Amino acid sequence: MAWRKLFCGVGLALVAGVGSVLAEDLVVPEGFIALFNGRDLSGWKENRQDPVHWTVKGGVLEYDGKGGNLFHTQEFSNFVLLVDWRVENNGNSGVFLRGGATQVEINDADKAPRPLWNGTSGGLYPHLPPLKRAARVAGEWNHYEIRVEKGVITVLLNGERTVDGYEMQWGSRVRGGVGFQHHGTPLYVRNVFIKGLED
């Protein structure tokens, strides 16, 4: 299986997290591993350096909006990714897939009644608008379920399907790290879990 190939030799710590000790209250869904352990930034890099503007407070990964993009060092190809996130008023960010080949948009600055576009939360920037608006108001937690299966992307935002089987043209990006975008505003993230799928 792709999951076994991807993580072979890394160690038994990967059963729950990627080479790190998990926070005691972190519950990992069956079949998933934790990319963010709820304790520290093990496995994460900000502009390829140790994170400075991304910190951990109370089990939450917090960004102050003043640094750079954050990527996990482990690379993935096909997967299911679960992420809880929230932003402040007009907050803007995104979830990078395969090292930044595309991103699942996070954008509180784009609100109804504006028309949907690829910068609306739940869409793929810069490739595809979401099918609907499904993000909660600023300050509330949102949940992404992002599936990349045989290169095809499906996104659920708070249980609502916003991207339905988009056939992404990845080019040379056959795999890459998951990341979070710097866009000059704070971002809060928790419960970052991933499950590898067959190539």
Protein backbone atom coordinates (compact mmCIF):
# COMPACT_ATOMS: atom_id res chain seq x y z
CA MET A 1 0.00 0.00 0.00
CA ALA A 2 1.06 3.62 -0.62
CA TRP A 3 0.76 4.40 3.11
CA ARG A 4 3.21 1.67 4.00
CA LYS A 5 5.62 2.68 1.28
CA LEU A 6 5.43 6.30 2.35
CA PHE A 7 6.13 5.73 6.01
CA CYS A 8 8.25 2.58 5.91
CA GLY A 9 11.24 2.82 8.22
CA VAL A 10 10.14 5.95 10.06
CA GLY A 11 9.17 4.06 13.18
CA LEU A 12 6.32 3.00 15.39
CA ALA A 13 5.71 6.61 16.48
CA LEU A 14 3.92 7.06 13.16
CA VAL A 15 1.03 4.94 14.38
CA ALA A 16 -0.26 8.09 16.06
CA GLY A 17 2.00 10.93 14.94
CA VAL A 18 4.86 11.71 12.62
CA GLY A 19 7.85 11.04 14.84
CA SER A 20 6.62 13.11 17.78
CA VAL A 21 4.94 12.78 21.16
CA LEU A 22 1.24 13.63 21.07
CA ALA A 23 -0.63 15.87 23.46
CA GLU A 24 -2.47 13.75 26.02
CA ASP A 25 -5.93 14.95 24.95
CA LEU A 26 -5.35 14.57 21.19
CA VAL A 27 -7.64 11.87 19.77
CA VAL A 28 -6.40 10.55 16.43
CA PRO A 29 -9.13 9.08 14.15
CA GLU A 30 -8.69 5.42 13.27
CA GLY A 31 -6.42 4.93 10.27
CA PHE A 32 -4.99 8.47 10.45
CA ILE A 33 -1.77 9.94 11.81
CA ALA A 34 -1.34 13.34 13.43
CA LEU A 35 0.71 15.87 11.45
CA PHE A 36 0.37 18.37 14.31
CA ASN A 37 0.95 16.76 17.69
CA GLY A 38 -0.72 19.49 19.74
CA ARG A 39 2.49 20.08 21.74
CA ASP A 40 5.14 21.55 19.46
CA LEU A 41 6.06 22.10 15.82
CA SER A 42 7.96 18.86 15.23
CA GLY A 43 8.08 18.19 11.48
CA TRP A 44 7.06 21.71 10.43
CA LYS A 45 9.16 24.39 8.72
CA GLU A 46 8.48 28.08 8.08
CA ASN A 47 10.17 29.10 4.83
CA ARG A 48 12.38 25.99 5.27
CA GLN A 49 13.57 27.21 8.68
CA ASP A 50 12.48 26.51 12.24
CA PRO A 51 9.16 28.29 12.79
CA VAL A 52 9.24 31.71 14.46
CA HIS A 53 5.83 33.22 13.75
CA TRP A 54 3.99 29.92 14.12
CA THR A 55 3.62 28.79 17.73
CA VAL A 56 1.61 26.34 19.84
CA LYS A 57 -0.72 27.57 22.58
CA GLY A 58 -3.19 25.37 24.41
CA GLY A 59 -3.01 22.64 21.77
CA VAL A 60 -3.66 25.09 18.94
CA LEU A 61 -1.23 25.96 16.14
CA GLU A 62 -1.27 29.77 15.98
CA TYR A 63 0.10 32.10 13.31
CA ASP A 64 0.65 35.80 13.99
CA GLY A 65 0.39 36.78 10.32
CA LYS A 66 3.91 38.23 10.16
CA GLY A 67 6.11 35.40 8.87
CA GLY A 68 5.94 32.93 6.01
CA ASN A 69 4.26 29.77 4.75
CA LEU A 70 4.41 26.69 6.97
CA PHE A 71 4.94 23.22 5.47
CA HIS A 72 5.27 19.76 6.92
CA THR A 73 8.49 18.03 5.93
CA GLN A 74 6.79 14.71 5.19
CA GLU A 75 5.62 14.43 1.57
CA PHE A 76 2.34 12.89 0.42
CA SER A 77 0.75 11.96 -2.89
CA ASN A 78 -2.81 10.66 -2.41
CA PHE A 79 -4.45 11.12 0.97
CA VAL A 80 -7.36 12.22 3.12
CA LEU A 81 -6.54 15.32 5.19
CA LEU A 82 -8.59 16.55 8.16
CA VAL A 83 -8.03 20.10 9.46
CA ASP A 84 -9.85 22.32 11.93
CA TRP A 85 -9.25 26.04 11.37
CA ARG A 86 -10.50 29.48 12.28
CA VAL A 87 -9.63 33.05 11.35
CA GLU A 88 -10.38 36.52 12.63
CA ASN A 89 -12.49 39.05 10.73
CA ASN A 90 -11.26 39.30 7.12
CA GLY A 91 -8.64 36.61 7.77
CA ASN A 92 -7.09 34.99 4.71
CA SER A 93 -5.03 31.81 4.34
CA GLY A 94 -5.19 28.41 2.68
CA VAL A 95 -4.27 24.75 2.96
CA PHE A 96 -1.49 23.84 0.52
CA LEU A 97 -1.56 20.44 -1.19
CA ARG A 98 1.47 18.62 -2.60
CA GLY A 99 3.92 21.34 -1.69
CA GLY A 100 1.80 24.23 -2.93
CA ALA A 101 0.65 22.97 -6.34
CA THR A 102 -2.78 24.23 -5.33
CA GLN A 103 -4.45 25.35 -2.13
CA VAL A 104 -7.84 24.93 -0.51
CA GLU A 105 -8.88 28.50 0.17
CA ILE A 106 -9.54 30.11 3.56
CA ASN A 107 -10.87 33.65 3.12
CA ASP A 108 -13.17 35.46 5.53
CA ALA A 109 -12.69 38.69 3.56
CA ASP A 110 -14.82 37.17 0.80
CA LYS A 111 -18.38 37.27 2.10
CA ALA A 112 -21.88 37.09 0.65
CA PRO A 113 -23.41 38.65 -1.39
CA ARG A 114 -20.22 38.63 -3.45
CA PRO A 115 -20.25 36.01 -6.24
CA LEU A 116 -18.35 32.78 -5.69
CA TRP A 117 -14.82 32.73 -7.10
CA ASN A 118 -11.66 30.69 -6.62
CA GLY A 119 -10.78 32.86 -3.61
CA THR A 120 -13.92 31.87 -1.68
CA SER A 121 -13.43 29.53 1.28
CA GLY A 122 -13.84 25.95 0.15
CA GLY A 123 -12.57 26.61 -3.37
CA LEU A 124 -9.24 25.72 -4.97
CA TYR A 125 -7.02 28.72 -5.53
CA PRO A 126 -6.28 29.61 -8.28
CA HIS A 127 -8.12 26.82 -10.07
CA LEU A 128 -11.78 26.47 -9.07
CA PRO A 129 -14.57 28.29 -7.17
CA PRO A 130 -16.45 26.29 -4.52
CA LEU A 131 -19.90 24.88 -5.23
CA LYS A 132 -21.34 26.86 -2.32
CA ARG A 133 -20.47 28.95 0.73
CA ALA A 134 -20.05 26.76 3.79
CA ALA A 135 -17.63 28.62 6.08
CA ARG A 136 -18.79 29.82 9.50
CA VAL A 137 -18.46 33.41 10.71
CA ALA A 138 -15.06 34.72 11.79
CA GLY A 139 -13.93 33.41 15.15
CA GLU A 140 -15.75 30.08 14.85
CA TRP A 141 -14.03 26.77 14.14
CA ASN A 142 -14.38 25.21 10.69
CA HIS A 143 -13.56 21.68 9.56
CA TYR A 144 -12.00 20.60 6.27
CA GLU A 145 -12.00 17.09 4.88
CA ILE A 146 -9.76 17.15 1.82
CA ARG A 147 -9.35 14.06 -0.35
CA VAL A 148 -6.75 13.65 -3.08
CA GLU A 149 -7.35 10.27 -4.72
CA LYS A 150 -5.50 9.34 -7.89
CA GLY A 151 -4.84 13.07 -8.21
CA VAL A 152 -8.54 14.02 -8.08
CA ILE A 153 -9.52 16.56 -5.40
CA THR A 154 -12.71 16.54 -3.34
CA VAL A 155 -13.30 19.01 -0.50
CA LEU A 156 -15.89 19.05 2.28
CA LEU A 157 -16.17 22.20 4.40
CA ASN A 158 -18.19 21.71 7.59
CA GLY A 159 -19.73 18.62 6.00
CA GLU A 160 -20.77 20.46 2.82
CA ARG A 161 -19.20 19.40 -0.49
CA THR A 162 -17.50 22.44 -2.01
CA VAL A 163 -15.23 20.70 -4.56
CA ASP A 164 -16.55 17.57 -6.24
CA GLY A 165 -13.90 15.49 -7.99
CA TYR A 166 -11.71 18.14 -9.60
CA GLU A 167 -9.17 16.54 -11.95
CA MET A 168 -6.13 18.59 -11.08
CA GLN A 169 -3.27 18.89 -13.56
CA TRP A 170 -0.36 18.39 -11.18
CA GLY A 171 2.49 18.46 -13.69
CA SER A 172 5.66 17.32 -11.92
CA ARG A 173 4.09 17.59 -8.44
CA VAL A 174 3.53 13.88 -7.85
CA ARG A 175 3.91 14.44 -4.11
CA GLY A 176 4.71 17.19 -1.65
CA GLY A 177 4.14 18.52 1.84
CA VAL A 178 0.91 19.79 3.35
CA GLY A 179 1.11 23.43 4.36
CA PHE A 180 -0.63 26.59 5.53
CA GLN A 181 -0.41 29.89 3.69
CA HIS A 182 0.97 33.18 4.94
CA HIS A 183 -1.36 36.00 3.85
CA GLY A 184 -0.66 38.65 6.45
CA THR A 185 -3.45 37.72 8.88
CA PRO A 186 -3.62 35.38 11.91
CA LEU A 187 -4.62 31.74 11.52
CA TYR A 188 -5.53 29.12 14.13
CA VAL A 189 -5.31 25.38 13.39
CA ARG A 190 -5.88 22.16 15.33
CA ASN A 191 -6.61 18.47 14.72
CA VAL A 192 -4.46 18.04 11.61
CA PHE A 193 -4.70 14.37 10.62
CA ILE A 194 -3.80 12.55 7.43
CA LYS A 195 -4.37 9.08 5.98
CA GLY A 196 -2.43 7.87 2.96
CA LEU A 197 -4.32 6.37 0.00
CA GLU A 198 -3.26 3.99 -2.78
CA ASP A 199 -1.31 5.59 -5.61
